[in-house]
Amino acid sequence: MPISRQEFDDGRLDLSVPILQFLSLRNGEAFTADEVLDELLNYYGRRVTEAEVVVVLEDLVKADKLESKQIAGAEGYIYKGELY
């Protein structure tokens, strides 16, 4: 499981790091929690649940790093700000 430089330097895993990294790289697109989960599992090799992803996404919305909006019955999340 690859980890980010920030996690390596901090000596701990922080799910918000790969989530922000992924969403900032795709900053013109919104994703559902399930789509973010798929990316975490397939690309980042993180073994997490959708519930864990939703908690982190909502925390990032509260921290004003992401925006969320209900679209077609699903909550979408998009990066808010400069490129990562």
Protein backbone atom coordinates (compact mmCIF):
# COMPACT_ATOMS: atom_id res chain seq x y z
CA MET A 1 0.00 0.00 0.00
CA PRO A 2 1.68 3.22 -1.08
CA ILE A 3 1.42 6.16 1.31
CA SER A 4 1.93 9.84 0.68
CA ARG A 5 5.01 11.79 1.66
CA GLN A 6 2.92 13.70 4.20
CA GLU A 7 1.77 10.46 5.85
CA PHE A 8 5.32 9.13 5.79
CA ASP A 9 6.67 12.31 7.40
CA ASP A 10 3.87 12.33 10.00
CA GLY A 11 4.34 8.62 10.71
CA ARG A 12 0.64 7.86 10.46
CA LEU A 13 -2.03 6.99 7.92
CA ASP A 14 -4.49 9.76 7.12
CA LEU A 15 -7.25 8.90 4.67
CA SER A 16 -7.85 12.57 3.89
CA VAL A 17 -4.42 12.77 2.19
CA PRO A 18 -5.11 10.36 -0.71
CA ILE A 19 -8.70 11.62 -1.01
CA LEU A 20 -7.55 15.23 -1.38
CA GLN A 21 -4.75 14.17 -3.69
CA PHE A 22 -7.15 12.30 -5.99
CA LEU A 23 -9.84 14.99 -5.99
CA SER A 24 -7.35 17.82 -6.50
CA LEU A 25 -5.85 16.06 -9.51
CA ARG A 26 -9.37 15.74 -10.97
CA ASN A 27 -10.49 19.14 -9.68
CA GLY A 28 -12.92 19.76 -12.54
CA GLU A 29 -14.99 16.67 -11.73
CA ALA A 30 -17.26 15.59 -8.87
CA PHE A 31 -17.31 12.05 -7.51
CA THR A 32 -19.60 10.03 -5.25
CA ALA A 33 -18.27 8.39 -2.10
CA ASP A 34 -18.46 5.04 -3.89
CA GLU A 35 -16.32 6.33 -6.76
CA VAL A 36 -13.76 7.72 -4.30
CA LEU A 37 -13.77 4.36 -2.49
CA ASP A 38 -13.08 2.53 -5.77
CA GLU A 39 -10.10 4.82 -6.41
CA LEU A 40 -8.75 4.28 -2.89
CA LEU A 41 -9.05 0.51 -3.24
CA ASN A 42 -7.78 0.14 -6.80
CA TYR A 43 -5.14 2.83 -7.17
CA TYR A 44 -4.01 3.66 -3.64
CA GLY A 45 -4.38 0.13 -2.25
CA ARG A 46 -6.22 1.37 0.84
CA ARG A 47 -8.50 -1.19 2.47
CA VAL A 48 -11.29 1.00 3.80
CA THR A 49 -15.07 0.92 3.93
CA GLU A 50 -17.50 3.27 2.26
CA ALA A 51 -18.60 4.47 5.72
CA GLU A 52 -15.00 5.51 6.51
CA VAL A 53 -14.77 7.36 3.19
CA VAL A 54 -18.05 9.21 3.81
CA VAL A 55 -16.88 10.35 7.26
CA VAL A 56 -13.63 11.73 5.83
CA LEU A 57 -15.43 13.38 2.89
CA GLU A 58 -17.89 15.09 5.24
CA ASP A 59 -15.01 16.21 7.49
CA LEU A 60 -13.28 17.71 4.44
CA VAL A 61 -16.50 19.54 3.51
CA LYS A 62 -16.68 20.96 7.06
CA ALA A 63 -13.02 21.98 6.77
CA ASP A 64 -13.93 23.86 3.55
CA LYS A 65 -11.59 21.74 1.40
CA LEU A 66 -14.40 20.08 -0.59
CA GLU A 67 -17.86 21.05 -1.76
CA SER A 68 -20.76 18.62 -1.80
CA LYS A 69 -24.06 18.67 -3.62
CA GLN A 70 -26.94 16.26 -4.12
CA ILE A 71 -27.17 15.44 -7.83
CA ALA A 72 -29.62 12.91 -9.27
CA GLY A 73 -30.12 11.34 -5.83
CA ALA A 74 -26.42 10.91 -5.06
CA GLU A 75 -24.09 13.11 -3.03
CA GLY A 76 -21.23 14.39 -5.16
CA TYR A 77 -17.95 15.76 -3.83
CA ILE A 78 -15.62 18.13 -5.66
CA TYR A 79 -12.28 19.68 -4.72
CA LYS A 80 -12.45 23.29 -3.65
CA GLY A 81 -9.33 25.34 -4.17
CA GLU A 82 -5.92 25.26 -5.75
CA LEU A 83 -4.34 22.18 -7.25
CA TYR A 84 -2.85 19.85 -4.62
